[in-house]
Amino acid sequence: MLEDVYYLNNGYPMPRVGLGVYKIADEEMAPAVTAALEAGYRAFDTAYFYKNEIALGKALKQSEIAREDLFLTSKIWNDYQGYDNTIEFFTKSIENLGTDYLDLFLIHWPCEADGLFVETYKAMEKLYEEGKVRAIGVCNFNAHHLEKLMSQTEIVPAVNQIEVHPYFNQHELQTFCNKHDIAVTAWMPLMRNRGLLEHELITDMASRYGKTPAQIVLRWHLSYDRLIIPKSKTPERIKENYDIFDFNLELTDIAEIDCLNCDDRQGNDPDNVRIGSLK
C-alpha cells in the first residue's frame, strides 16, 4: 500500500495529503485545523494571497503539535515577484505563520510576460541555501515555463502545484514533471465539486469499492504519484479526504477515469496571468 509520505527530489519528506486553506476565513481556521490534525493531516498549504497565514499559524500553535512534525507551504504572490520583494514577503509569511522556516516555498504564478519569475526563483534559491526553506518550487508552470526556469537557475523545482482533476488531467505536463523529478501537487483535485462527484462513473465506483466519490477521485490522483491538497472546512469531509490509504484502484478503473478528460480547465490559464491581473 502506498505510504503517506513522498520524498521530494532533494530527499525531504512531504505528506502526500495536505489541507488546502484557500478561502478559509479566520474564524473557521481553528476548527478546520483541529479536525485535520485529529484525522492525521500534518501538511497545510497556504499563501500570502490567501490572507489567512496568521490564523493558520495561531491554530497550529494552539494544537501543540511540534513544529518539526508539521509541513508548511506558502507562496510568493504575483504582485511581489522580484528578488528583493521575494525576500521581504517570505519574511512576512514566516512572521505571519509564527515560524522561522517554511518546508516549501512556491512561486504562485509564472507571470511570464512580466519577466520576473527567474529572479524571484533565484531569491528562493538563496533562502534555500540559508536553510530558511527546506524545499522550493512553483505553481501553475507549464512545461515551457519550467524549461526556461531550469535553464537559468541551479535548483530543479521540487514541486509544481497545478490544477489537475479527471476533467483536466494534464497528462502531458505530468509526464514532463516526472521526467525531471518534479513532484506534481494537484490543486482543485476534486474540481471544487462542480459536478464531478455526481458523475455516474465515479458514483458507481464508489459503490463498488465501498468508498465515497471524493475518495475515489483522490485515490486516482495518488495512483499517478501526485500530492494532493483538498480544501475543506467541514470536519466530516476533512476526515473523509484523508481516509484514502487503505485501498487501491484497479488499473482498468484508473483508465476509465482517465477517459473523463475533456481539457476542462476551471481556473486561469497560466499563459494569460500577469502581475496585477488577479485579485
C-alpha atoms as a PDB file:
ATOM      1  CA  MET A   1       0.000   0.000   0.000  1.00  0.00           C
ATOM      2  CA  LEU A   2       1.219   3.497  -0.834  1.00  0.00           C
ATOM      3  CA  GLU A   3       2.973   5.233   2.023  1.00  0.00           C
ATOM      4  CA  ASP A   4       1.552   8.574   3.124  1.00  0.00           C
ATOM      5  CA  VAL A   5       4.913  10.337   2.658  1.00  0.00           C
ATOM      6  CA  TYR A   6       6.539  11.418  -0.610  1.00  0.00           C
ATOM      7  CA  TYR A   7      10.265  12.155  -0.800  1.00  0.00           C
ATOM      8  CA  LEU A   8      10.971  15.260  -2.852  1.00  0.00           C
ATOM      9  CA  ASN A   9      13.894  15.442  -5.279  1.00  0.00           C
ATOM     10  CA  ASN A  10      16.191  16.700  -2.504  1.00  0.00           C
ATOM     11  CA  GLY A  11      15.161  13.835  -0.201  1.00  0.00           C
ATOM     12  CA  TYR A  12      12.935  15.963   2.020  1.00  0.00           C
ATOM     13  CA  PRO A  13       9.738  14.151   3.128  1.00  0.00           C
ATOM     14  CA  MET A  14       6.370  15.711   2.281  1.00  0.00           C
ATOM     15  CA  PRO A  15       2.989  14.267   3.268  1.00  0.00           C
ATOM     16  CA  ARG A  16       1.040  13.131   0.217  1.00  0.00           C
ATOM     17  CA  VAL A  17      -2.183  14.653   1.507  1.00  0.00           C
ATOM     18  CA  GLY A  18      -2.381  18.163   2.911  1.00  0.00           C
ATOM     19  CA  LEU A  19      -5.154  20.558   3.827  1.00  0.00           C
ATOM     20  CA  GLY A  20      -5.598  23.438   1.407  1.00  0.00           C
ATOM     21  CA  VAL A  21      -6.823  26.513   3.273  1.00  0.00           C
ATOM     22  CA  TYR A  22      -7.744  28.813   0.370  1.00  0.00           C
ATOM     23  CA  LYS A  23     -10.803  30.892   1.329  1.00  0.00           C
ATOM     24  CA  ILE A  24     -10.964  29.515   4.861  1.00  0.00           C
ATOM     25  CA  ALA A  25     -11.859  32.528   6.982  1.00  0.00           C
ATOM     26  CA  ASP A  26     -10.060  33.353  10.210  1.00  0.00           C
ATOM     27  CA  GLU A  27     -12.973  32.251  12.397  1.00  0.00           C
ATOM     28  CA  GLU A  28     -13.201  28.943  10.518  1.00  0.00           C
ATOM     29  CA  MET A  29      -9.493  28.124  10.690  1.00  0.00           C
ATOM     30  CA  ALA A  30      -9.125  26.692  14.196  1.00  0.00           C
ATOM     31  CA  PRO A  31     -11.979  24.144  13.869  1.00  0.00           C
ATOM     32  CA  ALA A  32     -10.725  23.094  10.427  1.00  0.00           C
ATOM     33  CA  VAL A  33      -7.135  22.689  11.623  1.00  0.00           C
ATOM     34  CA  THR A  34      -8.241  20.769  14.721  1.00  0.00           C
ATOM     35  CA  ALA A  35     -10.298  18.380  12.604  1.00  0.00           C
ATOM     36  CA  ALA A  36      -7.415  17.940  10.176  1.00  0.00           C
ATOM     37  CA  LEU A  37      -4.847  17.177  12.861  1.00  0.00           C
ATOM     38  CA  GLU A  38      -7.199  14.706  14.517  1.00  0.00           C
ATOM     39  CA  ALA A  39      -7.692  12.985  11.152  1.00  0.00           C
ATOM     40  CA  GLY A  40      -3.933  12.638  10.646  1.00  0.00           C
ATOM     41  CA  TYR A  41      -3.002  15.623   8.477  1.00  0.00           C
ATOM     42  CA  ARG A  42       0.360  17.222   9.092  1.00  0.00           C
ATOM     43  CA  ALA A  43       0.683  19.298   5.901  1.00  0.00           C
ATOM     44  CA  PHE A  44      -1.027  22.659   5.417  1.00  0.00           C
ATOM     45  CA  ASP A  45      -0.979  24.704   2.229  1.00  0.00           C
ATOM     46  CA  THR A  46      -1.476  28.461   2.394  1.00  0.00           C
ATOM     47  CA  ALA A  47      -0.237  31.587   0.599  1.00  0.00           C
ATOM     48  CA  TYR A  48       0.325  35.248   1.338  1.00  0.00           C
ATOM     49  CA  PHE A  49      -2.500  35.968  -1.115  1.00  0.00           C
ATOM     50  CA  TYR A  50      -4.971  33.951   0.977  1.00  0.00           C
ATOM     51  CA  LYS A  51      -4.682  36.441   3.854  1.00  0.00           C
ATOM     52  CA  ASN A  52      -5.048  33.670   6.429  1.00  0.00           C
ATOM     53  CA  GLU A  53      -1.442  32.812   7.301  1.00  0.00           C
ATOM     54  CA  ILE A  54      -1.820  34.423  10.742  1.00  0.00           C
ATOM     55  CA  ALA A  55      -4.972  32.421  11.523  1.00  0.00           C
ATOM     56  CA  LEU A  56      -3.326  29.196  10.371  1.00  0.00           C
ATOM     57  CA  GLY A  57      -0.229  29.864  12.442  1.00  0.00           C
ATOM     58  CA  LYS A  58      -2.288  30.547  15.566  1.00  0.00           C
ATOM     59  CA  ALA A  59      -4.395  27.416  15.063  1.00  0.00           C
ATOM     60  CA  LEU A  60      -1.306  25.255  14.701  1.00  0.00           C
ATOM     61  CA  LYS A  61       0.310  26.816  17.775  1.00  0.00           C
ATOM     62  CA  GLN A  62      -2.804  26.034  19.816  1.00  0.00           C
ATOM     63  CA  SER A  63      -2.594  22.392  18.777  1.00  0.00           C
ATOM     64  CA  GLU A  64       0.780  21.932  20.499  1.00  0.00           C
ATOM     65  CA  ILE A  65       1.958  19.693  17.647  1.00  0.00           C
ATOM     66  CA  ALA A  66       5.735  20.081  17.388  1.00  0.00           C
ATOM     67  CA  ARG A  67       6.833  22.303  14.508  1.00  0.00           C
ATOM     68  CA  GLU A  68       9.140  19.583  13.150  1.00  0.00           C
ATOM     69  CA  ASP A  69       6.124  17.304  12.787  1.00  0.00           C
ATOM     70  CA  LEU A  70       4.326  19.786  10.524  1.00  0.00           C
ATOM     71  CA  PHE A  71       4.818  20.612   6.847  1.00  0.00           C
ATOM     72  CA  LEU A  72       4.006  24.227   5.975  1.00  0.00           C
ATOM     73  CA  THR A  73       3.760  25.534   2.429  1.00  0.00           C
ATOM     74  CA  SER A  74       3.316  29.138   1.406  1.00  0.00           C
ATOM     75  CA  LYS A  75       3.699  31.079  -1.838  1.00  0.00           C
ATOM     76  CA  ILE A  76       5.030  34.383  -3.147  1.00  0.00           C
ATOM     77  CA  TRP A  77       2.172  36.341  -4.722  1.00  0.00           C
ATOM     78  CA  ASN A  78       2.382  37.769  -8.242  1.00  0.00           C
ATOM     79  CA  ASP A  79       2.440  41.424  -7.155  1.00  0.00           C
ATOM     80  CA  TYR A  80       5.535  40.798  -5.042  1.00  0.00           C
ATOM     81  CA  GLN A  81       7.718  38.995  -7.550  1.00  0.00           C
ATOM     82  CA  GLY A  82      11.314  40.138  -7.961  1.00  0.00           C
ATOM     83  CA  TYR A  83      14.437  39.324  -5.968  1.00  0.00           C
ATOM     84  CA  ASP A  84      14.165  41.809  -3.102  1.00  0.00           C
ATOM     85  CA  ASN A  85      10.391  41.553  -2.844  1.00  0.00           C
ATOM     86  CA  THR A  86      10.629  37.773  -2.568  1.00  0.00           C
ATOM     87  CA  ILE A  87      12.963  38.001   0.423  1.00  0.00           C
ATOM     88  CA  GLU A  88      10.754  40.634   2.040  1.00  0.00           C
ATOM     89  CA  PHE A  89       7.474  38.787   1.587  1.00  0.00           C
ATOM     90  CA  PHE A  90       8.953  35.448   2.577  1.00  0.00           C
ATOM     91  CA  THR A  91       9.858  37.134   5.861  1.00  0.00           C
ATOM     92  CA  LYS A  92       6.305  38.418   6.195  1.00  0.00           C
ATOM     93  CA  SER A  93       4.908  34.928   5.580  1.00  0.00           C
ATOM     94  CA  ILE A  94       7.012  33.206   8.236  1.00  0.00           C
ATOM     95  CA  GLU A  95       6.215  36.000  10.693  1.00  0.00           C
ATOM     96  CA  ASN A  96       2.518  35.548   9.939  1.00  0.00           C
ATOM     97  CA  LEU A  97       2.786  31.802  10.462  1.00  0.00           C
ATOM     98  CA  GLY A  98       4.846  32.153  13.625  1.00  0.00           C
ATOM     99  CA  THR A  99       7.706  30.015  12.390  1.00  0.00           C
ATOM    100  CA  ASP A 100      11.329  30.603  11.425  1.00  0.00           C
ATOM    101  CA  TYR A 101      11.296  28.420   8.312  1.00  0.00           C
ATOM    102  CA  LEU A 102       8.998  27.017   5.659  1.00  0.00           C
ATOM    103  CA  ASP A 103       9.007  23.442   4.494  1.00  0.00           C
ATOM    104  CA  LEU A 104       8.063  24.506   0.974  1.00  0.00           C
ATOM    105  CA  PHE A 105       8.007  27.923  -0.706  1.00  0.00           C
ATOM    106  CA  LEU A 106       6.443  28.344  -4.141  1.00  0.00           C
ATOM    107  CA  ILE A 107       6.034  30.955  -6.867  1.00  0.00           C
ATOM    108  CA  HIS A 108       2.267  31.356  -7.131  1.00  0.00           C
ATOM    109  CA  TRP A 109       2.044  32.036 -10.911  1.00  0.00           C
ATOM    110  CA  PRO A 110       4.763  32.418 -13.551  1.00  0.00           C
ATOM    111  CA  CYS A 111       3.505  35.776 -14.932  1.00  0.00           C
ATOM    112  CA  GLU A 112       5.953  35.190 -17.769  1.00  0.00           C
ATOM    113  CA  ALA A 113       5.128  38.407 -19.641  1.00  0.00           C
ATOM    114  CA  ASP A 114       6.406  40.413 -16.662  1.00  0.00           C
ATOM    115  CA  GLY A 115       9.795  38.704 -16.783  1.00  0.00           C
ATOM    116  CA  LEU A 116      10.386  38.317 -13.057  1.00  0.00           C
ATOM    117  CA  PHE A 117       9.967  34.640 -12.223  1.00  0.00           C
ATOM    118  CA  VAL A 118      13.643  33.747 -12.780  1.00  0.00           C
ATOM    119  CA  GLU A 119      14.952  36.386 -10.367  1.00  0.00           C
ATOM    120  CA  THR A 120      12.147  35.503  -7.966  1.00  0.00           C
ATOM    121  CA  TYR A 121      13.303  31.898  -8.004  1.00  0.00           C
ATOM    122  CA  LYS A 122      16.930  32.922  -7.537  1.00  0.00           C
ATOM    123  CA  ALA A 123      15.895  34.663  -4.329  1.00  0.00           C
ATOM    124  CA  MET A 124      14.194  31.440  -3.280  1.00  0.00           C
ATOM    125  CA  GLU A 125      17.423  29.549  -4.016  1.00  0.00           C
ATOM    126  CA  LYS A 126      19.198  31.916  -1.611  1.00  0.00           C
ATOM    127  CA  LEU A 127      16.578  31.233   1.073  1.00  0.00           C
ATOM    128  CA  TYR A 128      17.036  27.508   0.494  1.00  0.00           C
ATOM    129  CA  GLU A 129      20.822  27.747   0.751  1.00  0.00           C
ATOM    130  CA  GLU A 130      20.427  29.681   4.012  1.00  0.00           C
ATOM    131  CA  GLY A 131      18.237  26.908   5.448  1.00  0.00           C
ATOM    132  CA  LYS A 132      15.162  29.111   5.748  1.00  0.00           C
ATOM    133  CA  VAL A 133      13.243  26.882   3.338  1.00  0.00           C
ATOM    134  CA  ARG A 134      13.522  23.105   3.155  1.00  0.00           C
ATOM    135  CA  ALA A 135      12.365  22.896  -0.485  1.00  0.00           C
ATOM    136  CA  ILE A 136      11.409  25.338  -3.240  1.00  0.00           C
ATOM    137  CA  GLY A 137       9.135  25.056  -6.236  1.00  0.00           C
ATOM    138  CA  VAL A 138       6.469  26.636  -8.378  1.00  0.00           C
ATOM    139  CA  CYS A 139       2.745  26.713  -9.056  1.00  0.00           C
ATOM    140  CA  ASN A 140       0.913  26.825 -12.362  1.00  0.00           C
ATOM    141  CA  PHE A 141       4.035  26.440 -14.503  1.00  0.00           C
ATOM    142  CA  ASN A 142       3.608  24.874 -17.921  1.00  0.00           C
ATOM    143  CA  ALA A 143       6.448  22.904 -19.482  1.00  0.00           C
ATOM    144  CA  HIS A 144       7.843  25.907 -21.333  1.00  0.00           C
ATOM    145  CA  HIS A 145       7.948  27.912 -18.097  1.00  0.00           C
ATOM    146  CA  LEU A 146       9.816  25.101 -16.375  1.00  0.00           C
ATOM    147  CA  GLU A 147      12.280  24.765 -19.252  1.00  0.00           C
ATOM    148  CA  LYS A 148      13.105  28.461 -19.100  1.00  0.00           C
ATOM    149  CA  LEU A 149      13.418  28.395 -15.316  1.00  0.00           C
ATOM    150  CA  MET A 150      15.676  25.336 -15.233  1.00  0.00           C
ATOM    151  CA  SER A 151      17.933  26.749 -17.950  1.00  0.00           C
ATOM    152  CA  GLN A 152      18.675  29.854 -15.865  1.00  0.00           C
ATOM    153  CA  THR A 153      18.729  28.592 -12.270  1.00  0.00           C
ATOM    154  CA  GLU A 154      20.599  25.981 -10.245  1.00  0.00           C
ATOM    155  CA  ILE A 155      17.953  24.042  -8.316  1.00  0.00           C
ATOM    156  CA  VAL A 156      15.335  21.943 -10.087  1.00  0.00           C
ATOM    157  CA  PRO A 157      11.940  22.783  -8.552  1.00  0.00           C
ATOM    158  CA  ALA A 158      10.857  20.194  -6.017  1.00  0.00           C
ATOM    159  CA  VAL A 159       7.164  20.739  -6.755  1.00  0.00           C
ATOM    160  CA  ASN A 160       4.891  22.101  -9.463  1.00  0.00           C
ATOM    161  CA  GLN A 161       1.448  22.759  -7.989  1.00  0.00           C
ATOM    162  CA  ILE A 162      -1.114  22.789 -10.801  1.00  0.00           C
ATOM    163  CA  GLU A 163      -4.810  22.478 -11.496  1.00  0.00           C
ATOM    164  CA  VAL A 164      -5.472  18.810 -12.217  1.00  0.00           C
ATOM    165  CA  HIS A 165      -8.574  16.632 -11.900  1.00  0.00           C
ATOM    166  CA  PRO A 166     -10.276  13.971 -14.030  1.00  0.00           C
ATOM    167  CA  TYR A 167     -11.780  16.549 -16.410  1.00  0.00           C
ATOM    168  CA  PHE A 168      -8.361  18.190 -16.862  1.00  0.00           C
ATOM    169  CA  ASN A 169      -5.804  15.510 -16.222  1.00  0.00           C
ATOM    170  CA  GLN A 170      -2.701  17.296 -17.534  1.00  0.00           C
ATOM    171  CA  HIS A 171      -1.027  14.021 -18.518  1.00  0.00           C
ATOM    172  CA  GLU A 172       1.469  15.724 -20.827  1.00  0.00           C
ATOM    173  CA  LEU A 173       2.626  18.134 -18.118  1.00  0.00           C
ATOM    174  CA  GLN A 174       2.650  15.310 -15.566  1.00  0.00           C
ATOM    175  CA  THR A 175       4.944  13.313 -17.872  1.00  0.00           C
ATOM    176  CA  PHE A 176       7.278  16.299 -18.241  1.00  0.00           C
ATOM    177  CA  CYS A 177       7.445  16.765 -14.464  1.00  0.00           C
ATOM    178  CA  ASN A 178       8.047  13.055 -13.882  1.00  0.00           C
ATOM    179  CA  LYS A 179      10.944  13.147 -16.370  1.00  0.00           C
ATOM    180  CA  HIS A 180      12.607  15.946 -14.394  1.00  0.00           C
ATOM    181  CA  ASP A 181      11.783  14.539 -10.929  1.00  0.00           C
ATOM    182  CA  ILE A 182       9.425  17.403 -10.123  1.00  0.00           C
ATOM    183  CA  ALA A 183       6.553  16.327  -7.878  1.00  0.00           C
ATOM    184  CA  VAL A 184       3.093  17.346  -9.063  1.00  0.00           C
ATOM    185  CA  THR A 185       0.696  18.687  -6.458  1.00  0.00           C
ATOM    186  CA  ALA A 186      -2.943  18.880  -7.535  1.00  0.00           C
ATOM    187  CA  TRP A 187      -4.871  21.942  -6.508  1.00  0.00           C
ATOM    188  CA  MET A 188      -8.594  21.704  -7.109  1.00  0.00           C
ATOM    189  CA  PRO A 189      -8.207  17.886  -7.044  1.00  0.00           C
ATOM    190  CA  LEU A 190     -11.989  17.431  -6.713  1.00  0.00           C
ATOM    191  CA  MET A 191     -12.804  20.212  -9.212  1.00  0.00           C
ATOM    192  CA  ARG A 192     -14.456  22.030  -6.288  1.00  0.00           C
ATOM    193  CA  ASN A 193     -17.290  19.545  -6.708  1.00  0.00           C
ATOM    194  CA  ARG A 194     -18.594  21.192  -9.872  1.00  0.00           C
ATOM    195  CA  GLY A 195     -20.448  18.069 -10.952  1.00  0.00           C
ATOM    196  CA  LEU A 196     -17.501  15.666 -10.967  1.00  0.00           C
ATOM    197  CA  LEU A 197     -18.545  13.779  -7.843  1.00  0.00           C
ATOM    198  CA  GLU A 198     -22.023  13.173  -9.269  1.00  0.00           C
ATOM    199  CA  HIS A 199     -20.692  11.593 -12.464  1.00  0.00           C
ATOM    200  CA  GLU A 200     -22.157   8.100 -12.870  1.00  0.00           C
ATOM    201  CA  LEU A 201     -18.751   6.515 -13.416  1.00  0.00           C
ATOM    202  CA  ILE A 202     -17.445   7.928 -10.141  1.00  0.00           C
ATOM    203  CA  THR A 203     -20.557   7.132  -8.104  1.00  0.00           C
ATOM    204  CA  ASP A 204     -20.647   3.557  -9.455  1.00  0.00           C
ATOM    205  CA  MET A 205     -17.018   3.036  -8.491  1.00  0.00           C
ATOM    206  CA  ALA A 206     -17.681   4.467  -5.048  1.00  0.00           C
ATOM    207  CA  SER A 207     -20.439   1.919  -4.510  1.00  0.00           C
ATOM    208  CA  ARG A 208     -18.255  -0.913  -5.740  1.00  0.00           C
ATOM    209  CA  TYR A 209     -15.282  -0.006  -3.537  1.00  0.00           C
ATOM    210  CA  GLY A 210     -17.353   0.969  -0.512  1.00  0.00           C
ATOM    211  CA  LYS A 211     -15.895   4.470  -0.616  1.00  0.00           C
ATOM    212  CA  THR A 212     -17.211   7.962  -1.300  1.00  0.00           C
ATOM    213  CA  PRO A 213     -16.932   9.613  -4.725  1.00  0.00           C
ATOM    214  CA  ALA A 214     -14.369  12.059  -3.338  1.00  0.00           C
ATOM    215  CA  GLN A 215     -12.235   9.214  -2.038  1.00  0.00           C
ATOM    216  CA  ILE A 216     -12.312   7.533  -5.448  1.00  0.00           C
ATOM    217  CA  VAL A 217     -11.082  10.697  -7.179  1.00  0.00           C
ATOM    218  CA  LEU A 218      -8.403  11.389  -4.585  1.00  0.00           C
ATOM    219  CA  ARG A 219      -7.155   7.833  -4.841  1.00  0.00           C
ATOM    220  CA  TRP A 220      -6.988   8.262  -8.638  1.00  0.00           C
ATOM    221  CA  HIS A 221      -4.628  11.193  -8.053  1.00  0.00           C
ATOM    222  CA  LEU A 222      -2.416   9.092  -5.796  1.00  0.00           C
ATOM    223  CA  SER A 223      -2.239   6.395  -8.457  1.00  0.00           C
ATOM    224  CA  TYR A 224      -0.235   8.925 -10.500  1.00  0.00           C
ATOM    225  CA  ASP A 225       2.050   9.615  -7.523  1.00  0.00           C
ATOM    226  CA  ARG A 226       0.656  13.105  -7.109  1.00  0.00           C
ATOM    227  CA  LEU A 227       0.461  15.100  -3.935  1.00  0.00           C
ATOM    228  CA  ILE A 228      -2.979  16.486  -3.143  1.00  0.00           C
ATOM    229  CA  ILE A 229      -4.294  19.402  -1.083  1.00  0.00           C
ATOM    230  CA  PRO A 230      -8.095  19.114  -0.989  1.00  0.00           C
ATOM    231  CA  LYS A 231      -9.674  22.141   0.657  1.00  0.00           C
ATOM    232  CA  SER A 232     -12.489  21.765   3.152  1.00  0.00           C
ATOM    233  CA  LYS A 233     -13.624  23.379   6.379  1.00  0.00           C
ATOM    234  CA  THR A 234     -16.148  20.642   7.203  1.00  0.00           C
ATOM    235  CA  PRO A 235     -14.772  18.154   9.763  1.00  0.00           C
ATOM    236  CA  GLU A 236     -16.501  15.137   8.204  1.00  0.00           C
ATOM    237  CA  ARG A 237     -15.139  15.915   4.733  1.00  0.00           C
ATOM    238  CA  ILE A 238     -11.689  16.728   6.072  1.00  0.00           C
ATOM    239  CA  LYS A 239     -11.582  13.268   7.630  1.00  0.00           C
ATOM    240  CA  GLU A 240     -13.051  11.645   4.520  1.00  0.00           C
ATOM    241  CA  ASN A 241     -10.438  13.222   2.273  1.00  0.00           C
ATOM    242  CA  TYR A 242      -7.615  11.764   4.350  1.00  0.00           C
ATOM    243  CA  ASP A 243      -9.058   8.269   4.669  1.00  0.00           C
ATOM    244  CA  ILE A 244      -7.730   7.008   1.327  1.00  0.00           C
ATOM    245  CA  PHE A 245      -4.712   4.894   2.237  1.00  0.00           C
ATOM    246  CA  ASP A 246      -6.492   1.577   2.756  1.00  0.00           C
ATOM    247  CA  PHE A 247      -7.395   0.714  -0.843  1.00  0.00           C
ATOM    248  CA  ASN A 248      -6.085   0.818  -4.416  1.00  0.00           C
ATOM    249  CA  LEU A 249      -7.957   1.351  -7.659  1.00  0.00           C
ATOM    250  CA  GLU A 250      -7.755  -1.348 -10.297  1.00  0.00           C
ATOM    251  CA  LEU A 251      -5.787  -0.348 -13.394  1.00  0.00           C
ATOM    252  CA  THR A 252      -8.918  -0.621 -15.524  1.00  0.00           C
ATOM    253  CA  ASP A 253     -10.731   1.810 -13.222  1.00  0.00           C
ATOM    254  CA  ILE A 254      -7.844   4.278 -13.370  1.00  0.00           C
ATOM    255  CA  ALA A 255      -8.012   4.096 -17.163  1.00  0.00           C
ATOM    256  CA  GLU A 256     -11.758   4.712 -17.132  1.00  0.00           C
ATOM    257  CA  ILE A 257     -11.330   7.824 -15.004  1.00  0.00           C
ATOM    258  CA  ASP A 258      -8.595   8.964 -17.382  1.00  0.00           C
ATOM    259  CA  CYS A 259     -11.149   8.844 -20.181  1.00  0.00           C
ATOM    260  CA  LEU A 260     -13.206  11.563 -18.452  1.00  0.00           C
ATOM    261  CA  ASN A 261     -10.596  14.094 -19.525  1.00  0.00           C
ATOM    262  CA  CYS A 262     -12.034  16.857 -21.712  1.00  0.00           C
ATOM    263  CA  ASP A 263      -9.378  19.535 -21.056  1.00  0.00           C
ATOM    264  CA  ASP A 264     -11.937  21.423 -18.973  1.00  0.00           C
ATOM    265  CA  ARG A 265      -9.776  23.952 -17.146  1.00  0.00           C
ATOM    266  CA  GLN A 266     -11.662  25.594 -14.274  1.00  0.00           C
ATOM    267  CA  GLY A 267      -9.067  28.139 -13.182  1.00  0.00           C
ATOM    268  CA  ASN A 268      -6.904  30.654 -15.010  1.00  0.00           C
ATOM    269  CA  ASP A 269      -4.636  29.756 -17.901  1.00  0.00           C
ATOM    270  CA  PRO A 270      -1.064  30.360 -16.658  1.00  0.00           C
ATOM    271  CA  ASP A 271      -0.074  31.793 -20.031  1.00  0.00           C
ATOM    272  CA  ASN A 272      -2.612  34.601 -19.572  1.00  0.00           C
ATOM    273  CA  VAL A 273      -1.862  35.617 -15.980  1.00  0.00           C
ATOM    274  CA  ARG A 274       0.129  38.794 -15.450  1.00  0.00           C
ATOM    275  CA  ILE A 275       1.154  40.738 -12.374  1.00  0.00           C
ATOM    276  CA  GLY A 276      -1.909  42.630 -11.156  1.00  0.00           C
ATOM    277  CA  SER A 277      -4.374  40.628 -13.244  1.00  0.00           C
ATOM    278  CA  LEU A 278      -5.678  38.508 -10.370  1.00  0.00           C
ATOM    279  CA  LYS A 279      -7.182  39.976  -7.209  1.00  0.00           C
END
